[in-house]
Amino acid sequence: MSVKVPFCTCADTACPFHPANHNKGCTPCIAKNLKAGEIPTCFFKSLGVQKPAEGVGSGWTVRDFAALVTKAEEKREEKK
């Protein structure tokens, strides 16, 4: 049985946790990221970030993601 994840935006198909490499959907990716204190790439991409260098910090951490969300909200408020 294969689990398809059509919304997966991660381009790192060499990663053993990528949904293209098993039939467990996003579970292995999410588990790996939670253990590492990180957020999956797809969450960053939903904010328009393609790689860590474009983010606030130097990685895919929860803190980096929170800073990006805060920054996006501030920009939205400025436009009002």
PDB file of N, CA and C in Angstrom:
ATOM      1  N   MET A   1       0.845  -1.184   0.000  1.00  0.00           N
ATOM      2  CA  MET A   1       0.000   0.000   0.000  1.00  0.00           C
ATOM      3  C   MET A   1       0.887   1.243   0.000  1.00  0.00           C
ATOM      4  N   SER A   2       0.581   2.164  -0.866  1.00  0.00           N
ATOM      5  CA  SER A   2       1.360   3.389  -1.001  1.00  0.00           C
ATOM      6  C   SER A   2       0.549   4.580  -0.500  1.00  0.00           C
ATOM      7  N   VAL A   3       1.192   5.429   0.257  1.00  0.00           N
ATOM      8  CA  VAL A   3       0.542   6.645   0.751  1.00  0.00           C
ATOM      9  C   VAL A   3       1.060   7.802  -0.079  1.00  0.00           C
ATOM     10  N   LYS A   4       0.199   8.454  -0.826  1.00  0.00           N
ATOM     11  CA  LYS A   4       0.616   9.582  -1.652  1.00  0.00           C
ATOM     12  C   LYS A   4       0.448  10.873  -0.873  1.00  0.00           C
ATOM     13  N   VAL A   5       1.404  11.776  -1.031  1.00  0.00           N
ATOM     14  CA  VAL A   5       1.371  13.073  -0.373  1.00  0.00           C
ATOM     15  C   VAL A   5       1.532  14.126  -1.463  1.00  0.00           C
ATOM     16  N   PRO A   6       0.443  14.445  -2.159  1.00  0.00           N
ATOM     17  CA  PRO A   6       0.540  15.349  -3.313  1.00  0.00           C
ATOM     18  C   PRO A   6       0.937  16.776  -2.965  1.00  0.00           C
ATOM     19  N   PHE A   7       0.770  17.185  -1.711  1.00  0.00           N
ATOM     20  CA  PHE A   7       1.095  18.562  -1.342  1.00  0.00           C
ATOM     21  C   PHE A   7       2.525  18.728  -0.850  1.00  0.00           C
ATOM     22  N   CYS A   8       3.297  17.655  -0.813  1.00  0.00           N
ATOM     23  CA  CYS A   8       4.665  17.747  -0.309  1.00  0.00           C
ATOM     24  C   CYS A   8       5.484  18.652  -1.230  1.00  0.00           C
ATOM     25  N   THR A   9       6.070  19.694  -0.656  1.00  0.00           N
ATOM     26  CA  THR A   9       6.846  20.656  -1.429  1.00  0.00           C
ATOM     27  C   THR A   9       8.348  20.482  -1.255  1.00  0.00           C
ATOM     28  N   CYS A  10       8.755  19.491  -0.481  1.00  0.00           N
ATOM     29  CA  CYS A  10      10.172  19.256  -0.236  1.00  0.00           C
ATOM     30  C   CYS A  10      10.822  18.657  -1.481  1.00  0.00           C
ATOM     31  N   ALA A  11      11.902  19.253  -1.904  1.00  0.00           N
ATOM     32  CA  ALA A  11      12.615  18.782  -3.093  1.00  0.00           C
ATOM     33  C   ALA A  11      13.719  17.784  -2.760  1.00  0.00           C
ATOM     34  N   ASP A  12      13.954  17.539  -1.473  1.00  0.00           N
ATOM     35  CA  ASP A  12      15.030  16.638  -1.066  1.00  0.00           C
ATOM     36  C   ASP A  12      14.547  15.188  -1.085  1.00  0.00           C
ATOM     37  N   THR A  13      14.367  14.655  -2.283  1.00  0.00           N
ATOM     38  CA  THR A  13      13.879  13.289  -2.406  1.00  0.00           C
ATOM     39  C   THR A  13      14.935  12.254  -2.058  1.00  0.00           C
ATOM     40  N   ALA A  14      16.177  12.676  -1.841  1.00  0.00           N
ATOM     41  CA  ALA A  14      17.218  11.758  -1.386  1.00  0.00           C
ATOM     42  C   ALA A  14      17.093  11.474   0.114  1.00  0.00           C
ATOM     43  N   CYS A  15      16.358  12.299   0.807  1.00  0.00           N
ATOM     44  CA  CYS A  15      16.157  12.119   2.248  1.00  0.00           C
ATOM     45  C   CYS A  15      15.339  10.846   2.486  1.00  0.00           C
ATOM     46  N   PRO A  16      15.801   9.983   3.380  1.00  0.00           N
ATOM     47  CA  PRO A  16      15.057   8.744   3.626  1.00  0.00           C
ATOM     48  C   PRO A  16      13.675   8.978   4.241  1.00  0.00           C
ATOM     49  N   PHE A  17      13.440  10.166   4.786  1.00  0.00           N
ATOM     50  CA  PHE A  17      12.157  10.478   5.410  1.00  0.00           C
ATOM     51  C   PHE A  17      11.160  11.100   4.439  1.00  0.00           C
ATOM     52  N   HIS A  18      11.609  11.428   3.224  1.00  0.00           N
ATOM     53  CA  HIS A  18      10.729  12.031   2.226  1.00  0.00           C
ATOM     54  C   HIS A  18       9.619  11.034   1.875  1.00  0.00           C
ATOM     55  N   PRO A  19       8.365  11.499   1.785  1.00  0.00           N
ATOM     56  CA  PRO A  19       7.246  10.599   1.487  1.00  0.00           C
ATOM     57  C   PRO A  19       7.387   9.788   0.201  1.00  0.00           C
ATOM     58  N   ALA A  20       8.236  10.228  -0.720  1.00  0.00           N
ATOM     59  CA  ALA A  20       8.438   9.478  -1.961  1.00  0.00           C
ATOM     60  C   ALA A  20       9.226   8.185  -1.731  1.00  0.00           C
ATOM     61  N   ASN A  21       9.858   8.060  -0.550  1.00  0.00           N
ATOM     62  CA  ASN A  21      10.746   6.929  -0.295  1.00  0.00           C
ATOM     63  C   ASN A  21      10.175   5.832   0.593  1.00  0.00           C
ATOM     64  N   HIS A  22       8.908   5.928   0.925  1.00  0.00           N
ATOM     65  CA  HIS A  22       8.272   4.913   1.775  1.00  0.00           C
ATOM     66  C   HIS A  22       6.761   5.070   1.668  1.00  0.00           C
ATOM     67  N   ASN A  23       6.022   4.288   2.395  1.00  0.00           N
ATOM     68  CA  ASN A  23       4.557   4.373   2.334  1.00  0.00           C
ATOM     69  C   ASN A  23       3.946   4.851   3.648  1.00  0.00           C
ATOM     70  N   LYS A  24       4.669   5.682   4.392  1.00  0.00           N
ATOM     71  CA  LYS A  24       4.203   6.151   5.697  1.00  0.00           C
ATOM     72  C   LYS A  24       3.802   7.625   5.697  1.00  0.00           C
ATOM     73  N   GLY A  25       3.673   8.226   4.516  1.00  0.00           N
ATOM     74  CA  GLY A  25       3.264   9.626   4.432  1.00  0.00           C
ATOM     75  C   GLY A  25       4.276  10.562   5.066  1.00  0.00           C
ATOM     76  N   CYS A  26       3.793  11.548   5.791  1.00  0.00           N
ATOM     77  CA  CYS A  26       4.647  12.576   6.396  1.00  0.00           C
ATOM     78  C   CYS A  26       5.172  12.200   7.787  1.00  0.00           C
ATOM     79  N   THR A  27       4.668  11.118   8.350  1.00  0.00           N
ATOM     80  CA  THR A  27       5.007  10.757   9.726  1.00  0.00           C
ATOM     81  C   THR A  27       6.506  10.677   9.994  1.00  0.00           C
ATOM     82  N   PRO A  28       7.312   9.969   9.202  1.00  0.00           N
ATOM     83  CA  PRO A  28       8.749   9.909   9.496  1.00  0.00           C
ATOM     84  C   PRO A  28       9.436  11.284   9.440  1.00  0.00           C
ATOM     85  N   CYS A  29       9.041  12.115   8.498  1.00  0.00           N
ATOM     86  CA  CYS A  29       9.623  13.454   8.379  1.00  0.00           C
ATOM     87  C   CYS A  29       9.293  14.287   9.616  1.00  0.00           C
ATOM     88  N   ILE A  30       8.051  14.276   9.998  1.00  0.00           N
ATOM     89  CA  ILE A  30       7.628  15.060  11.162  1.00  0.00           C
ATOM     90  C   ILE A  30       8.307  14.550  12.426  1.00  0.00           C
ATOM     91  N   ALA A  31       8.376  13.240  12.593  1.00  0.00           N
ATOM     92  CA  ALA A  31       9.027  12.671  13.779  1.00  0.00           C
ATOM     93  C   ALA A  31      10.498  13.074  13.850  1.00  0.00           C
ATOM     94  N   LYS A  32      11.202  13.021  12.716  1.00  0.00           N
ATOM     95  CA  LYS A  32      12.617  13.404  12.661  1.00  0.00           C
ATOM     96  C   LYS A  32      12.792  14.872  13.022  1.00  0.00           C
ATOM     97  N   ASN A  33      11.907  15.717  12.475  1.00  0.00           N
ATOM     98  CA  ASN A  33      11.999  17.149  12.752  1.00  0.00           C
ATOM     99  C   ASN A  33      11.684  17.470  14.208  1.00  0.00           C
ATOM    100  N   LEU A  34      10.670  16.839  14.776  1.00  0.00           N
ATOM    101  CA  LEU A  34      10.345  17.072  16.186  1.00  0.00           C
ATOM    102  C   LEU A  34      11.512  16.678  17.084  1.00  0.00           C
ATOM    103  N   LYS A  35      12.132  15.540  16.786  1.00  0.00           N
ATOM    104  CA  LYS A  35      13.276  15.083  17.577  1.00  0.00           C
ATOM    105  C   LYS A  35      14.437  16.064  17.501  1.00  0.00           C
ATOM    106  N   ALA A  36      14.618  16.691  16.347  1.00  0.00           N
ATOM    107  CA  ALA A  36      15.728  17.633  16.138  1.00  0.00           C
ATOM    108  C   ALA A  36      15.377  19.072  16.537  1.00  0.00           C
ATOM    109  N   GLY A  37      14.124  19.311  16.982  1.00  0.00           N
ATOM    110  CA  GLY A  37      13.717  20.675  17.329  1.00  0.00           C
ATOM    111  C   GLY A  37      13.543  21.544  16.092  1.00  0.00           C
ATOM    112  N   GLU A  38      13.170  20.912  14.996  1.00  0.00           N
ATOM    113  CA  GLU A  38      13.025  21.627  13.738  1.00  0.00           C
ATOM    114  C   GLU A  38      11.587  21.565  13.234  1.00  0.00           C
ATOM    115  N   ILE A  39      11.349  22.311  12.172  1.00  0.00           N
ATOM    116  CA  ILE A  39      10.052  22.353  11.506  1.00  0.00           C
ATOM    117  C   ILE A  39      10.269  21.803  10.095  1.00  0.00           C
ATOM    118  N   PRO A  40       9.356  20.978   9.583  1.00  0.00           N
ATOM    119  CA  PRO A  40       9.526  20.471   8.221  1.00  0.00           C
ATOM    120  C   PRO A  40       9.628  21.597   7.188  1.00  0.00           C
ATOM    121  N   THR A  41      10.374  21.333   6.144  1.00  0.00           N
ATOM    122  CA  THR A  41      10.611  22.295   5.069  1.00  0.00           C
ATOM    123  C   THR A  41       9.320  22.879   4.512  1.00  0.00           C
ATOM    124  N   CYS A  42       8.278  22.062   4.398  1.00  0.00           N
ATOM    125  CA  CYS A  42       7.024  22.524   3.792  1.00  0.00           C
ATOM    126  C   CYS A  42       6.415  23.703   4.561  1.00  0.00           C
ATOM    127  N   PHE A  43       6.636  23.766   5.865  1.00  0.00           N
ATOM    128  CA  PHE A  43       6.107  24.892   6.641  1.00  0.00           C
ATOM    129  C   PHE A  43       6.847  26.179   6.275  1.00  0.00           C
ATOM    130  N   PHE A  44       8.172  26.098   6.130  1.00  0.00           N
ATOM    131  CA  PHE A  44       8.948  27.265   5.715  1.00  0.00           C
ATOM    132  C   PHE A  44       8.544  27.703   4.316  1.00  0.00           C
ATOM    133  N   LYS A  45       8.363  26.724   3.422  1.00  0.00           N
ATOM    134  CA  LYS A  45       7.982  27.057   2.050  1.00  0.00           C
ATOM    135  C   LYS A  45       6.623  27.732   1.998  1.00  0.00           C
ATOM    136  N   SER A  46       5.745  27.420   2.942  1.00  0.00           N
ATOM    137  CA  SER A  46       4.436  28.081   2.967  1.00  0.00           C
ATOM    138  C   SER A  46       4.567  29.570   3.271  1.00  0.00           C
ATOM    139  N   LEU A  47       5.723  29.973   3.819  1.00  0.00           N
ATOM    140  CA  LEU A  47       5.997  31.386   4.097  1.00  0.00           C
ATOM    141  C   LEU A  47       6.883  32.009   3.017  1.00  0.00           C
ATOM    142  N   GLY A  48       7.175  31.227   1.969  1.00  0.00           N
ATOM    143  CA  GLY A  48       7.984  31.740   0.865  1.00  0.00           C
ATOM    144  C   GLY A  48       9.472  31.548   1.030  1.00  0.00           C
ATOM    145  N   VAL A  49       9.908  30.811   2.037  1.00  0.00           N
ATOM    146  CA  VAL A  49      11.332  30.565   2.266  1.00  0.00           C
ATOM    147  C   VAL A  49      11.722  29.264   1.581  1.00  0.00           C
ATOM    148  N   GLN A  50      12.726  29.318   0.727  1.00  0.00           N
ATOM    149  CA  GLN A  50      13.140  28.142  -0.031  1.00  0.00           C
ATOM    150  C   GLN A  50      14.335  27.420   0.589  1.00  0.00           C
ATOM    151  N   LYS A  51      15.149  28.142   1.341  1.00  0.00           N
ATOM    152  CA  LYS A  51      16.311  27.531   1.983  1.00  0.00           C
ATOM    153  C   LYS A  51      16.643  28.326   3.238  1.00  0.00           C
ATOM    154  N   PRO A  52      17.360  27.729   4.199  1.00  0.00           N
ATOM    155  CA  PRO A  52      17.619  28.404   5.475  1.00  0.00           C
ATOM    156  C   PRO A  52      18.269  29.775   5.359  1.00  0.00           C
ATOM    157  N   ALA A  53      19.126  29.988   4.377  1.00  0.00           N
ATOM    158  CA  ALA A  53      19.811  31.274   4.255  1.00  0.00           C
ATOM    159  C   ALA A  53      18.835  32.428   4.057  1.00  0.00           C
ATOM    160  N   GLU A  54      17.649  32.126   3.555  1.00  0.00           N
ATOM    161  CA  GLU A  54      16.647  33.162   3.355  1.00  0.00           C
ATOM    162  C   GLU A  54      15.840  33.410   4.627  1.00  0.00           C
ATOM    163  N   GLY A  55      16.003  32.532   5.600  1.00  0.00           N
ATOM    164  CA  GLY A  55      15.252  32.649   6.835  1.00  0.00           C
ATOM    165  C   GLY A  55      15.929  33.566   7.827  1.00  0.00           C
ATOM    166  N   VAL A  56      15.334  33.690   8.980  1.00  0.00           N
ATOM    167  CA  VAL A  56      15.854  34.563  10.027  1.00  0.00           C
ATOM    168  C   VAL A  56      17.128  33.990  10.617  1.00  0.00           C
ATOM    169  N   GLY A  57      17.139  32.685  10.845  1.00  0.00           N
ATOM    170  CA  GLY A  57      18.309  32.055  11.433  1.00  0.00           C
ATOM    171  C   GLY A  57      19.098  31.278  10.406  1.00  0.00           C
ATOM    172  N   SER A  58      19.861  30.344  10.889  1.00  0.00           N
ATOM    173  CA  SER A  58      20.707  29.591   9.972  1.00  0.00           C
ATOM    174  C   SER A  58      20.198  28.167   9.748  1.00  0.00           C
ATOM    175  N   GLY A  59      18.961  27.914  10.116  1.00  0.00           N
ATOM    176  CA  GLY A  59      18.457  26.555   9.957  1.00  0.00           C
ATOM    177  C   GLY A  59      16.942  26.489   9.893  1.00  0.00           C
ATOM    178  N   TRP A  60      16.443  25.305  10.121  1.00  0.00           N
ATOM    179  CA  TRP A  60      15.016  25.031  10.018  1.00  0.00           C
ATOM    180  C   TRP A  60      14.393  24.865  11.411  1.00  0.00           C
ATOM    181  N   THR A  61      14.906  25.577  12.406  1.00  0.00           N
ATOM    182  CA  THR A  61      14.450  25.379  13.782  1.00  0.00           C
ATOM    183  C   THR A  61      13.075  25.992  14.044  1.00  0.00           C
ATOM    184  N   VAL A  62      12.494  25.566  15.148  1.00  0.00           N
ATOM    185  CA  VAL A  62      11.217  26.120  15.593  1.00  0.00           C
ATOM    186  C   VAL A  62      11.371  27.626  15.810  1.00  0.00           C
ATOM    187  N   ARG A  63      12.492  28.032  16.384  1.00  0.00           N
ATOM    188  CA  ARG A  63      12.742  29.455  16.634  1.00  0.00           C
ATOM    189  C   ARG A  63      12.819  30.246  15.321  1.00  0.00           C
ATOM    190  N   ASP A  64      13.514  29.697  14.330  1.00  0.00           N
ATOM    191  CA  ASP A  64      13.598  30.351  13.017  1.00  0.00           C
ATOM    192  C   ASP A  64      12.207  30.508  12.410  1.00  0.00           C
ATOM    193  N   PHE A  65      11.391  29.457  12.508  1.00  0.00           N
ATOM    194  CA  PHE A  65      10.045  29.503  11.951  1.00  0.00           C
ATOM    195  C   PHE A  65       9.188  30.535  12.683  1.00  0.00           C
ATOM    196  N   ALA A  66       9.281  30.556  14.007  1.00  0.00           N
ATOM    197  CA  ALA A  66       8.501  31.527  14.792  1.00  0.00           C
ATOM    198  C   ALA A  66       8.887  32.960  14.421  1.00  0.00           C
ATOM    199  N   ALA A  67      10.174  33.204  14.222  1.00  0.00           N
ATOM    200  CA  ALA A  67      10.617  34.544  13.837  1.00  0.00           C
ATOM    201  C   ALA A  67      10.069  34.930  12.464  1.00  0.00           C
ATOM    202  N   LEU A  68      10.029  33.973  11.543  1.00  0.00           N
ATOM    203  CA  LEU A  68       9.484  34.259  10.211  1.00  0.00           C
ATOM    204  C   LEU A  68       7.992  34.553  10.274  1.00  0.00           C
ATOM    205  N   VAL A  69       7.264  33.798  11.087  1.00  0.00           N
ATOM    206  CA  VAL A  69       5.827  34.040  11.232  1.00  0.00           C
ATOM    207  C   VAL A  69       5.595  35.421  11.832  1.00  0.00           C
ATOM    208  N   THR A  70       6.363  35.779  12.848  1.00  0.00           N
ATOM    209  CA  THR A  70       6.242  37.091  13.478  1.00  0.00           C
ATOM    210  C   THR A  70       6.527  38.199  12.467  1.00  0.00           C
ATOM    211  N   LYS A  71       7.582  38.026  11.687  1.00  0.00           N
ATOM    212  CA  LYS A  71       7.949  39.018  10.673  1.00  0.00           C
ATOM    213  C   LYS A  71       6.834  39.162   9.627  1.00  0.00           C
ATOM    214  N   ALA A  72       6.270  38.045   9.193  1.00  0.00           N
ATOM    215  CA  ALA A  72       5.183  38.077   8.207  1.00  0.00           C
ATOM    216  C   ALA A  72       3.956  38.794   8.770  1.00  0.00           C
ATOM    217  N   GLU A  73       3.642  38.547  10.030  1.00  0.00           N
ATOM    218  CA  GLU A  73       2.502  39.208  10.667  1.00  0.00           C
ATOM    219  C   GLU A  73       2.735  40.715  10.792  1.00  0.00           C
ATOM    220  N   GLU A  74       3.959  41.106  11.124  1.00  0.00           N
ATOM    221  CA  GLU A  74       4.285  42.529  11.231  1.00  0.00           C
ATOM    222  C   GLU A  74       4.112  43.214   9.879  1.00  0.00           C
ATOM    223  N   LYS A  75       4.543  42.561   8.809  1.00  0.00           N
ATOM    224  CA  LYS A  75       4.391  43.133   7.463  1.00  0.00           C
ATOM    225  C   LYS A  75       2.917  43.263   7.118  1.00  0.00           C
ATOM    226  N   ARG A  76       2.124  42.275   7.484  1.00  0.00           N
ATOM    227  CA  ARG A  76       0.691  42.318   7.209  1.00  0.00           C
ATOM    228  C   ARG A  76       0.032  43.474   7.957  1.00  0.00           C
ATOM    229  N   GLU A  77       0.446  43.689   9.184  1.00  0.00           N
ATOM    230  CA  GLU A  77      -0.103  44.792   9.986  1.00  0.00           C
ATOM    231  C   GLU A  77       0.298  46.147   9.412  1.00  0.00           C
ATOM    232  N   GLU A  78       1.516  46.261   8.896  1.00  0.00           N
ATOM    233  CA  GLU A  78       1.980  47.515   8.295  1.00  0.00           C
ATOM    234  C   GLU A  78       1.158  47.894   7.071  1.00  0.00           C
ATOM    235  N   LYS A  79       0.675  46.898   6.343  1.00  0.00           N
ATOM    236  CA  LYS A  79      -0.103  47.143   5.127  1.00  0.00           C
ATOM    237  C   LYS A  79      -1.515  47.629   5.410  1.00  0.00           C
ATOM    238  N   LYS A  80      -1.981  47.451   6.638  1.00  0.00           N
ATOM    239  CA  LYS A  80      -3.342  47.850   6.991  1.00  0.00           C
ATOM    240  C   LYS A  80      -3.469  49.358   7.123  1.00  0.00           C
TER     241      LYS A  80
END
